[in-house]
PDB file of N, CA and C in Angstrom:
ATOM      1  N   MET A   1     -74.165  13.486  42.015  1.00  0.00           N
ATOM      2  CA  MET A   1     -72.831  13.222  42.065  1.00  0.00           C
ATOM      3  C   MET A   1     -72.518  13.566  43.331  1.00  0.00           C
ATOM      4  N   THR A   2     -72.035  13.774  44.440  1.00  0.00           N
ATOM      5  CA  THR A   2     -71.776  14.643  46.255  1.00  0.00           C
ATOM      6  C   THR A   2     -71.121  15.728  46.380  1.00  0.00           C
ATOM      7  N   ARG A   3     -72.496  16.632  46.819  1.00  0.00           N
ATOM      8  CA  ARG A   3     -71.705  17.612  46.872  1.00  0.00           C
ATOM      9  C   ARG A   3     -70.805  18.420  48.609  1.00  0.00           C
ATOM     10  N   VAL A   4     -69.849  18.313  48.420  1.00  0.00           N
ATOM     11  CA  VAL A   4     -69.094  18.471  49.868  1.00  0.00           C
ATOM     12  C   VAL A   4     -68.573  20.038  50.021  1.00  0.00           C
ATOM     13  N   PRO A   5     -69.290  19.957  51.088  1.00  0.00           N
ATOM     14  CA  PRO A   5     -68.077  21.985  51.233  1.00  0.00           C
ATOM     15  C   PRO A   5     -67.322  22.203  50.908  1.00  0.00           C
ATOM     16  N   SER A   6     -66.956  23.156  50.349  1.00  0.00           N
ATOM     17  CA  SER A   6     -65.702  24.355  50.366  1.00  0.00           C
ATOM     18  C   SER A   6     -64.906  24.435  51.822  1.00  0.00           C
ATOM     19  N   ALA A   7     -63.575  24.161  50.941  1.00  0.00           N
ATOM     20  CA  ALA A   7     -62.309  24.560  52.337  1.00  0.00           C
ATOM     21  C   ALA A   7     -62.529  25.277  52.779  1.00  0.00           C
ATOM     22  N   GLY A   8     -62.767  26.357  52.781  1.00  0.00           N
ATOM     23  CA  GLY A   8     -63.199  27.821  53.436  1.00  0.00           C
ATOM     24  C   GLY A   8     -65.128  27.827  54.428  1.00  0.00           C
ATOM     25  N   ASP A   9     -65.853  26.909  53.637  1.00  0.00           N
ATOM     26  CA  ASP A   9     -66.849  26.586  54.488  1.00  0.00           C
ATOM     27  C   ASP A   9     -66.409  25.040  56.033  1.00  0.00           C
ATOM     28  N   GLU A  10     -65.049  24.799  55.571  1.00  0.00           N
ATOM     29  CA  GLU A  10     -64.971  23.539  57.197  1.00  0.00           C
ATOM     30  C   GLU A  10     -63.767  24.344  57.798  1.00  0.00           C
ATOM     31  N   LYS A  11     -63.064  24.116  57.378  1.00  0.00           N
ATOM     32  CA  LYS A  11     -61.359  24.273  57.877  1.00  0.00           C
ATOM     33  C   LYS A  11     -60.135  24.794  57.076  1.00  0.00           C
ATOM     34  N   THR A  12     -58.894  25.143  57.883  1.00  0.00           N
ATOM     35  CA  THR A  12     -57.522  25.283  57.201  1.00  0.00           C
ATOM     36  C   THR A  12     -57.094  24.685  55.509  1.00  0.00           C
ATOM     37  N   GLU A  13     -56.880  24.781  54.830  1.00  0.00           N
ATOM     38  CA  GLU A  13     -56.056  24.052  53.619  1.00  0.00           C
ATOM     39  C   GLU A  13     -55.222  24.133  54.419  1.00  0.00           C
ATOM     40  N   HIS A  14     -54.358  22.461  54.764  1.00  0.00           N
ATOM     41  CA  HIS A  14     -53.403  22.035  54.280  1.00  0.00           C
ATOM     42  C   HIS A  14     -52.177  21.141  53.542  1.00  0.00           C
ATOM     43  N   ALA A  15     -51.181  21.956  52.237  1.00  0.00           N
ATOM     44  CA  ALA A  15     -50.135  21.349  51.567  1.00  0.00           C
ATOM     45  C   ALA A  15     -49.602  20.596  51.666  1.00  0.00           C
ATOM     46  N   LEU A  16     -49.997  19.154  50.515  1.00  0.00           N
ATOM     47  CA  LEU A  16     -49.740  18.293  50.987  1.00  0.00           C
ATOM     48  C   LEU A  16     -48.517  17.776  49.436  1.00  0.00           C
ATOM     49  N   ASP A  17     -47.440  16.897  49.364  1.00  0.00           N
ATOM     50  CA  ASP A  17     -46.797  16.469  49.023  1.00  0.00           C
ATOM     51  C   ASP A  17     -46.445  15.379  48.723  1.00  0.00           C
ATOM     52  N   GLY A  18     -45.802  14.609  47.453  1.00  0.00           N
ATOM     53  CA  GLY A  18     -46.427  13.383  47.317  1.00  0.00           C
ATOM     54  C   GLY A  18     -46.687  13.248  46.363  1.00  0.00           C
ATOM     55  N   GLY A  19     -47.013  12.065  45.907  1.00  0.00           N
ATOM     56  CA  GLY A  19     -47.905  11.527  44.900  1.00  0.00           C
ATOM     57  C   GLY A  19     -47.033  11.625  43.684  1.00  0.00           C
ATOM     58  N   ASN A  20     -48.804  10.735  43.180  1.00  0.00           N
ATOM     59  CA  ASN A  20     -48.135  11.435  41.716  1.00  0.00           C
ATOM     60  C   ASN A  20     -49.317  12.650  41.292  1.00  0.00           C
ATOM     61  N   VAL A  21     -49.561  12.961  41.929  1.00  0.00           N
ATOM     62  CA  VAL A  21     -50.331  14.988  41.968  1.00  0.00           C
ATOM     63  C   VAL A  21     -50.187  15.088  43.138  1.00  0.00           C
ATOM     64  N   ALA A  22     -49.417  15.932  43.137  1.00  0.00           N
ATOM     65  CA  ALA A  22     -49.123  17.148  43.722  1.00  0.00           C
ATOM     66  C   ALA A  22     -49.436  18.860  43.926  1.00  0.00           C
ATOM     67  N   ASP A  23     -49.845  18.956  42.814  1.00  0.00           N
ATOM     68  CA  ASP A  23     -49.700  20.065  42.630  1.00  0.00           C
ATOM     69  C   ASP A  23     -51.333  20.472  43.049  1.00  0.00           C
ATOM     70  N   GLY A  24     -51.633  20.863  43.990  1.00  0.00           N
ATOM     71  CA  GLY A  24     -53.140  21.608  44.875  1.00  0.00           C
ATOM     72  C   GLY A  24     -53.569  20.412  45.726  1.00  0.00           C
ATOM     73  N   VAL A  25     -52.508  19.645  45.792  1.00  0.00           N
ATOM     74  CA  VAL A  25     -53.595  18.152  46.416  1.00  0.00           C
ATOM     75  C   VAL A  25     -53.443  18.849  47.883  1.00  0.00           C
ATOM     76  N   VAL A  26     -54.282  19.226  48.561  1.00  0.00           N
ATOM     77  CA  VAL A  26     -54.203  20.237  50.047  1.00  0.00           C
ATOM     78  C   VAL A  26     -55.599  18.890  51.636  1.00  0.00           C
ATOM     79  N   ARG A  27     -55.142  19.087  52.495  1.00  0.00           N
ATOM     80  CA  ARG A  27     -55.595  18.599  53.505  1.00  0.00           C
ATOM     81  C   ARG A  27     -57.418  19.246  53.859  1.00  0.00           C
ATOM     82  N   VAL A  28     -57.770  18.850  53.861  1.00  0.00           N
ATOM     83  CA  VAL A  28     -58.778  20.008  54.496  1.00  0.00           C
ATOM     84  C   VAL A  28     -59.791  18.997  55.459  1.00  0.00           C
ATOM     85  N   GLY A  29     -59.189  19.266  57.550  1.00  0.00           N
ATOM     86  CA  GLY A  29     -59.356  18.118  58.019  1.00  0.00           C
ATOM     87  C   GLY A  29     -59.932  16.946  57.850  1.00  0.00           C
ATOM     88  N   ASP A  30     -60.770  16.124  57.518  1.00  0.00           N
ATOM     89  CA  ASP A  30     -60.289  14.945  57.447  1.00  0.00           C
ATOM     90  C   ASP A  30     -60.196  13.948  56.082  1.00  0.00           C
ATOM     91  N   THR A  31     -59.821  15.253  55.294  1.00  0.00           N
ATOM     92  CA  THR A  31     -60.995  14.836  53.429  1.00  0.00           C
ATOM     93  C   THR A  31     -59.208  15.727  53.039  1.00  0.00           C
ATOM     94  N   VAL A  32     -58.809  15.411  51.875  1.00  0.00           N
ATOM     95  CA  VAL A  32     -58.516  15.719  50.809  1.00  0.00           C
ATOM     96  C   VAL A  32     -59.251  15.688  49.959  1.00  0.00           C
ATOM     97  N   ARG A  33     -58.396  16.806  48.692  1.00  0.00           N
ATOM     98  CA  ARG A  33     -58.935  17.577  47.788  1.00  0.00           C
ATOM     99  C   ARG A  33     -57.853  17.785  47.002  1.00  0.00           C
ATOM    100  N   LYS A  34     -57.943  16.427  45.429  1.00  0.00           N
ATOM    101  CA  LYS A  34     -57.574  17.128  44.617  1.00  0.00           C
ATOM    102  C   LYS A  34     -57.843  17.640  42.742  1.00  0.00           C
ATOM    103  N   PRO A  35     -57.311  18.795  42.401  1.00  0.00           N
ATOM    104  CA  PRO A  35     -58.039  18.718  41.071  1.00  0.00           C
ATOM    105  C   PRO A  35     -58.408  17.224  40.060  1.00  0.00           C
ATOM    106  N   THR A  36     -59.202  17.189  39.026  1.00  0.00           N
ATOM    107  CA  THR A  36     -59.567  16.313  38.502  1.00  0.00           C
ATOM    108  C   THR A  36     -59.147  16.570  37.901  1.00  0.00           C
ATOM    109  N   GLY A  37     -59.433  15.656  37.214  1.00  0.00           N
ATOM    110  CA  GLY A  37     -58.660  15.141  35.388  1.00  0.00           C
ATOM    111  C   GLY A  37     -59.447  13.571  34.942  1.00  0.00           C
ATOM    112  N   PHE A  38     -59.159  13.638  33.657  1.00  0.00           N
ATOM    113  CA  PHE A  38     -60.184  13.121  33.030  1.00  0.00           C
ATOM    114  C   PHE A  38     -60.338  11.135  33.795  1.00  0.00           C
ATOM    115  N   TRP A  39     -59.737  10.748  34.174  1.00  0.00           N
ATOM    116  CA  TRP A  39     -58.765   9.761  34.921  1.00  0.00           C
ATOM    117  C   TRP A  39     -59.769   9.991  36.159  1.00  0.00           C
ATOM    118  N   THR A  40     -60.349  10.973  36.864  1.00  0.00           N
ATOM    119  CA  THR A  40     -60.793  10.825  38.622  1.00  0.00           C
ATOM    120  C   THR A  40     -61.963   9.741  38.480  1.00  0.00           C
ATOM    121  N   PRO A  41     -63.116   9.982  37.156  1.00  0.00           N
ATOM    122  CA  PRO A  41     -63.401   8.905  37.298  1.00  0.00           C
ATOM    123  C   PRO A  41     -63.705   7.540  37.798  1.00  0.00           C
ATOM    124  N   ALA A  42     -62.450   7.131  36.576  1.00  0.00           N
ATOM    125  CA  ALA A  42     -61.810   5.725  36.971  1.00  0.00           C
ATOM    126  C   ALA A  42     -61.830   5.628  38.200  1.00  0.00           C
ATOM    127  N   VAL A  43     -60.594   6.251  38.727  1.00  0.00           N
ATOM    128  CA  VAL A  43     -60.216   6.326  39.557  1.00  0.00           C
ATOM    129  C   VAL A  43     -61.342   5.519  40.974  1.00  0.00           C
ATOM    130  N   GLU A  44     -62.313   6.707  40.761  1.00  0.00           N
ATOM    131  CA  GLU A  44     -62.909   7.245  41.950  1.00  0.00           C
ATOM    132  C   GLU A  44     -64.165   5.600  41.933  1.00  0.00           C
ATOM    133  N   ALA A  45     -63.888   4.925  40.941  1.00  0.00           N
ATOM    134  CA  ALA A  45     -64.703   3.837  40.353  1.00  0.00           C
ATOM    135  C   ALA A  45     -63.808   2.628  40.919  1.00  0.00           C
ATOM    136  N   LEU A  46     -62.651   2.561  41.019  1.00  0.00           N
ATOM    137  CA  LEU A  46     -61.915   1.732  41.612  1.00  0.00           C
ATOM    138  C   LEU A  46     -61.536   1.516  42.750  1.00  0.00           C
ATOM    139  N   LEU A  47     -61.665   3.340  43.631  1.00  0.00           N
ATOM    140  CA  LEU A  47     -61.404   3.170  45.403  1.00  0.00           C
ATOM    141  C   LEU A  47     -62.752   2.410  45.425  1.00  0.00           C
ATOM    142  N   SER A  48     -64.075   2.726  45.062  1.00  0.00           N
ATOM    143  CA  SER A  48     -65.561   2.335  45.404  1.00  0.00           C
ATOM    144  C   SER A  48     -65.546   1.048  45.395  1.00  0.00           C
ATOM    145  N   HIS A  49     -65.457   0.518  44.616  1.00  0.00           N
ATOM    146  CA  HIS A  49     -64.728  -0.997  44.162  1.00  0.00           C
ATOM    147  C   HIS A  49     -63.601  -1.838  45.651  1.00  0.00           C
ATOM    148  N   LEU A  50     -62.737  -0.747  45.555  1.00  0.00           N
ATOM    149  CA  LEU A  50     -62.218  -1.596  47.099  1.00  0.00           C
ATOM    150  C   LEU A  50     -62.652  -1.659  48.057  1.00  0.00           C
ATOM    151  N   ARG A  51     -63.522   0.257  47.843  1.00  0.00           N
ATOM    152  CA  ARG A  51     -64.515  -0.691  49.297  1.00  0.00           C
ATOM    153  C   ARG A  51     -64.795  -1.508  49.746  1.00  0.00           C
ATOM    154  N   ARG A  52     -66.234  -1.891  48.561  1.00  0.00           N
ATOM    155  CA  ARG A  52     -66.701  -2.178  48.718  1.00  0.00           C
ATOM    156  C   ARG A  52     -66.679  -4.136  48.569  1.00  0.00           C
ATOM    157  N   ALA A  53     -64.909  -4.474  48.808  1.00  0.00           N
ATOM    158  CA  ALA A  53     -64.528  -5.604  48.254  1.00  0.00           C
ATOM    159  C   ALA A  53     -64.177  -5.942  49.972  1.00  0.00           C
ATOM    160  N   GLY A  54     -64.010  -5.232  50.469  1.00  0.00           N
ATOM    161  CA  GLY A  54     -64.130  -4.738  52.610  1.00  0.00           C
ATOM    162  C   GLY A  54     -62.183  -4.399  52.039  1.00  0.00           C
ATOM    163  N   PHE A  55     -61.792  -3.518  50.794  1.00  0.00           N
ATOM    164  CA  PHE A  55     -60.046  -3.003  51.496  1.00  0.00           C
ATOM    165  C   PHE A  55     -60.733  -1.339  52.524  1.00  0.00           C
ATOM    166  N   THR A  56     -59.845  -0.951  53.214  1.00  0.00           N
ATOM    167  CA  THR A  56     -59.874  -0.365  53.678  1.00  0.00           C
ATOM    168  C   THR A  56     -59.167   0.580  53.924  1.00  0.00           C
ATOM    169  N   GLY A  57     -57.818  -0.160  52.926  1.00  0.00           N
ATOM    170  CA  GLY A  57     -55.754   0.626  53.096  1.00  0.00           C
ATOM    171  C   GLY A  57     -56.394   2.065  52.176  1.00  0.00           C
ATOM    172  N   ALA A  58     -57.249   1.623  51.587  1.00  0.00           N
ATOM    173  CA  ALA A  58     -57.822   2.930  50.161  1.00  0.00           C
ATOM    174  C   ALA A  58     -58.256   3.970  50.641  1.00  0.00           C
ATOM    175  N   PRO A  59     -58.361   5.212  50.442  1.00  0.00           N
ATOM    176  CA  PRO A  59     -59.088   6.490  50.321  1.00  0.00           C
ATOM    177  C   PRO A  59     -61.169   6.508  49.972  1.00  0.00           C
ATOM    178  N   ARG A  60     -61.902   6.471  50.518  1.00  0.00           N
ATOM    179  CA  ARG A  60     -63.301   7.131  49.500  1.00  0.00           C
ATOM    180  C   ARG A  60     -63.408   7.868  49.623  1.00  0.00           C
ATOM    181  N   PRO A  61     -64.261   7.289  48.277  1.00  0.00           N
ATOM    182  CA  PRO A  61     -64.686   8.695  47.530  1.00  0.00           C
ATOM    183  C   PRO A  61     -65.077   9.865  48.406  1.00  0.00           C
ATOM    184  N   LEU A  62     -65.464  11.297  48.144  1.00  0.00           N
ATOM    185  CA  LEU A  62     -66.710  11.482  48.811  1.00  0.00           C
ATOM    186  C   LEU A  62     -67.144  12.383  47.994  1.00  0.00           C
ATOM    187  N   GLY A  63     -66.677  12.232  46.686  1.00  0.00           N
ATOM    188  CA  GLY A  63     -67.861  13.884  45.778  1.00  0.00           C
ATOM    189  C   GLY A  63     -66.742  14.750  45.387  1.00  0.00           C
ATOM    190  N   ARG A  64     -68.115  15.579  44.851  1.00  0.00           N
ATOM    191  CA  ARG A  64     -66.563  17.452  44.611  1.00  0.00           C
ATOM    192  C   ARG A  64     -67.126  18.232  46.113  1.00  0.00           C
ATOM    193  N   ASP A  65     -66.405  19.589  45.691  1.00  0.00           N
ATOM    194  CA  ASP A  65     -66.686  20.374  46.358  1.00  0.00           C
ATOM    195  C   ASP A  65     -66.900  21.678  45.448  1.00  0.00           C
ATOM    196  N   ASP A  66     -67.557  22.550  46.038  1.00  0.00           N
ATOM    197  CA  ASP A  66     -68.022  23.833  45.545  1.00  0.00           C
ATOM    198  C   ASP A  66     -67.017  23.867  44.216  1.00  0.00           C
ATOM    199  N   GLU A  67     -65.588  24.484  44.926  1.00  0.00           N
ATOM    200  CA  GLU A  67     -64.670  24.234  44.040  1.00  0.00           C
ATOM    201  C   GLU A  67     -63.987  23.508  42.393  1.00  0.00           C
ATOM    202  N   GLY A  68     -65.471  21.959  42.454  1.00  0.00           N
ATOM    203  CA  GLY A  68     -64.945  20.988  42.032  1.00  0.00           C
ATOM    204  C   GLY A  68     -63.574  20.480  42.058  1.00  0.00           C
ATOM    205  N   ARG A  69     -64.164  20.298  43.303  1.00  0.00           N
ATOM    206  CA  ARG A  69     -62.128  19.690  43.509  1.00  0.00           C
ATOM    207  C   ARG A  69     -62.680  18.279  43.968  1.00  0.00           C
ATOM    208  N   GLN A  70     -61.930  16.950  43.400  1.00  0.00           N
ATOM    209  CA  GLN A  70     -62.565  15.999  44.568  1.00  0.00           C
ATOM    210  C   GLN A  70     -62.059  15.668  45.347  1.00  0.00           C
ATOM    211  N   VAL A  71     -62.743  14.753  46.895  1.00  0.00           N
ATOM    212  CA  VAL A  71     -62.757  14.931  48.145  1.00  0.00           C
ATOM    213  C   VAL A  71     -62.499  13.304  48.399  1.00  0.00           C
ATOM    214  N   LEU A  72     -61.577  12.713  48.478  1.00  0.00           N
ATOM    215  CA  LEU A  72     -61.665  12.021  49.870  1.00  0.00           C
ATOM    216  C   LEU A  72     -61.445  11.430  50.570  1.00  0.00           C
ATOM    217  N   GLU A  73     -61.278  10.601  51.089  1.00  0.00           N
ATOM    218  CA  GLU A  73     -61.525  11.078  52.716  1.00  0.00           C
ATOM    219  C   GLU A  73     -59.850  10.158  53.266  1.00  0.00           C
ATOM    220  N   TYR A  74     -59.091  10.645  54.151  1.00  0.00           N
ATOM    221  CA  TYR A  74     -57.820  10.762  54.249  1.00  0.00           C
ATOM    222  C   TYR A  74     -57.904   9.944  54.711  1.00  0.00           C
ATOM    223  N   VAL A  75     -57.207   8.912  54.334  1.00  0.00           N
ATOM    224  CA  VAL A  75     -56.490   7.584  55.368  1.00  0.00           C
ATOM    225  C   VAL A  75     -55.024   7.936  55.611  1.00  0.00           C
ATOM    226  N   PRO A  76     -54.783   8.335  57.399  1.00  0.00           N
ATOM    227  CA  PRO A  76     -53.408   7.536  57.238  1.00  0.00           C
ATOM    228  C   PRO A  76     -52.861   6.723  57.740  1.00  0.00           C
ATOM    229  N   GLY A  77     -51.208   7.251  57.408  1.00  0.00           N
ATOM    230  CA  GLY A  77     -50.627   6.359  56.974  1.00  0.00           C
ATOM    231  C   GLY A  77     -49.384   6.965  56.109  1.00  0.00           C
ATOM    232  N   PRO A  78     -48.604   5.829  55.482  1.00  0.00           N
ATOM    233  CA  PRO A  78     -47.215   6.344  53.917  1.00  0.00           C
ATOM    234  C   PRO A  78     -48.251   5.664  52.394  1.00  0.00           C
ATOM    235  N   MET A  79     -47.743   6.781  52.660  1.00  0.00           N
ATOM    236  CA  MET A  79     -47.972   6.437  50.785  1.00  0.00           C
ATOM    237  C   MET A  79     -47.695   5.095  50.294  1.00  0.00           C
ATOM    238  N   ALA A  80     -48.753   4.429  49.470  1.00  0.00           N
ATOM    239  CA  ALA A  80     -47.810   3.183  48.810  1.00  0.00           C
ATOM    240  C   ALA A  80     -46.743   2.836  48.434  1.00  0.00           C
ATOM    241  N   TRP A  81     -46.197   3.966  47.127  1.00  0.00           N
ATOM    242  CA  TRP A  81     -44.679   3.981  47.220  1.00  0.00           C
ATOM    243  C   TRP A  81     -43.954   4.158  47.479  1.00  0.00           C
ATOM    244  N   THR A  82     -44.468   4.664  48.844  1.00  0.00           N
ATOM    245  CA  THR A  82     -43.264   4.555  50.604  1.00  0.00           C
ATOM    246  C   THR A  82     -42.952   4.212  50.773  1.00  0.00           C
ATOM    247  N   SER A  83     -43.478   3.252  51.040  1.00  0.00           N
ATOM    248  CA  SER A  83     -43.646   2.040  51.389  1.00  0.00           C
ATOM    249  C   SER A  83     -42.990   0.848  51.133  1.00  0.00           C
ATOM    250  N   ARG A  84     -42.187   0.090  51.597  1.00  0.00           N
ATOM    251  CA  ARG A  84     -41.108  -0.922  51.425  1.00  0.00           C
ATOM    252  C   ARG A  84     -41.662  -1.428  50.317  1.00  0.00           C
ATOM    253  N   HIS A  85     -41.939  -2.203  50.863  1.00  0.00           N
ATOM    254  CA  HIS A  85     -43.051  -3.828  49.307  1.00  0.00           C
ATOM    255  C   HIS A  85     -44.625  -4.188  50.465  1.00  0.00           C
ATOM    256  N   TRP A  86     -45.135  -5.007  49.236  1.00  0.00           N
ATOM    257  CA  TRP A  86     -45.856  -5.825  49.714  1.00  0.00           C
ATOM    258  C   TRP A  86     -45.609  -6.923  50.429  1.00  0.00           C
ATOM    259  N   THR A  87     -46.332  -7.274  50.771  1.00  0.00           N
ATOM    260  CA  THR A  87     -46.701  -8.729  51.403  1.00  0.00           C
ATOM    261  C   THR A  87     -47.382  -9.908  50.568  1.00  0.00           C
ATOM    262  N   ARG A  88     -47.118 -11.186  50.620  1.00  0.00           N
ATOM    263  CA  ARG A  88     -48.258 -11.927  50.412  1.00  0.00           C
ATOM    264  C   ARG A  88     -49.926 -11.827  49.749  1.00  0.00           C
ATOM    265  N   ARG A  89     -49.982 -11.459  51.477  1.00  0.00           N
ATOM    266  CA  ARG A  89     -51.363 -10.608  51.442  1.00  0.00           C
ATOM    267  C   ARG A  89     -51.546 -10.302  50.347  1.00  0.00           C
ATOM    268  N   GLY A  90     -51.243  -9.829  49.885  1.00  0.00           N
ATOM    269  CA  GLY A  90     -51.221  -8.622  48.387  1.00  0.00           C
ATOM    270  C   GLY A  90     -52.065  -7.373  49.180  1.00  0.00           C
ATOM    271  N   CYS A  91     -53.265  -6.359  48.981  1.00  0.00           N
ATOM    272  CA  CYS A  91     -54.285  -5.244  49.310  1.00  0.00           C
ATOM    273  C   CYS A  91     -54.653  -5.773  51.027  1.00  0.00           C
ATOM    274  N   THR A  92     -54.461  -7.049  51.757  1.00  0.00           N
ATOM    275  CA  THR A  92     -55.082  -7.440  53.015  1.00  0.00           C
ATOM    276  C   THR A  92     -54.132  -6.742  53.833  1.00  0.00           C
ATOM    277  N   GLY A  93     -52.409  -5.758  53.621  1.00  0.00           N
ATOM    278  CA  GLY A  93     -52.204  -5.827  54.657  1.00  0.00           C
ATOM    279  C   GLY A  93     -50.280  -5.381  54.482  1.00  0.00           C
ATOM    280  N   TRP A  94     -49.362  -4.115  55.081  1.00  0.00           N
ATOM    281  CA  TRP A  94     -48.319  -4.103  54.711  1.00  0.00           C
ATOM    282  C   TRP A  94     -48.171  -5.187  55.570  1.00  0.00           C
ATOM    283  N   ASP A  95     -46.230  -5.468  54.891  1.00  0.00           N
ATOM    284  CA  ASP A  95     -45.395  -5.369  55.630  1.00  0.00           C
ATOM    285  C   ASP A  95     -44.439  -4.831  55.515  1.00  0.00           C
ATOM    286  N   GLY A  96     -44.420  -4.339  56.810  1.00  0.00           N
ATOM    287  CA  GLY A  96     -43.367  -2.429  57.336  1.00  0.00           C
ATOM    288  C   GLY A  96     -42.215  -2.992  57.851  1.00  0.00           C
TER     289      GLY A  96
END
């Protein structure tokens, strides 16, 4: 498991809202920190698979911080469920 510096070692935390797990989700610099759950390893496996397949629209899992939170790459832009719809291109792009 990769260890990422705690937020206190890096930059200020900014609370994020929206998504399916909003409580305790913060942005720190170019990362997002989230509480973990039983689902976290499966989500990280999916995100890693998407990255290996060449899809860059999902965050890259970066490990855990010293507080045990999941650390993800921050990906700018709207969340998937806030956009209008997927295109027929599927995972290769958005039709906004």
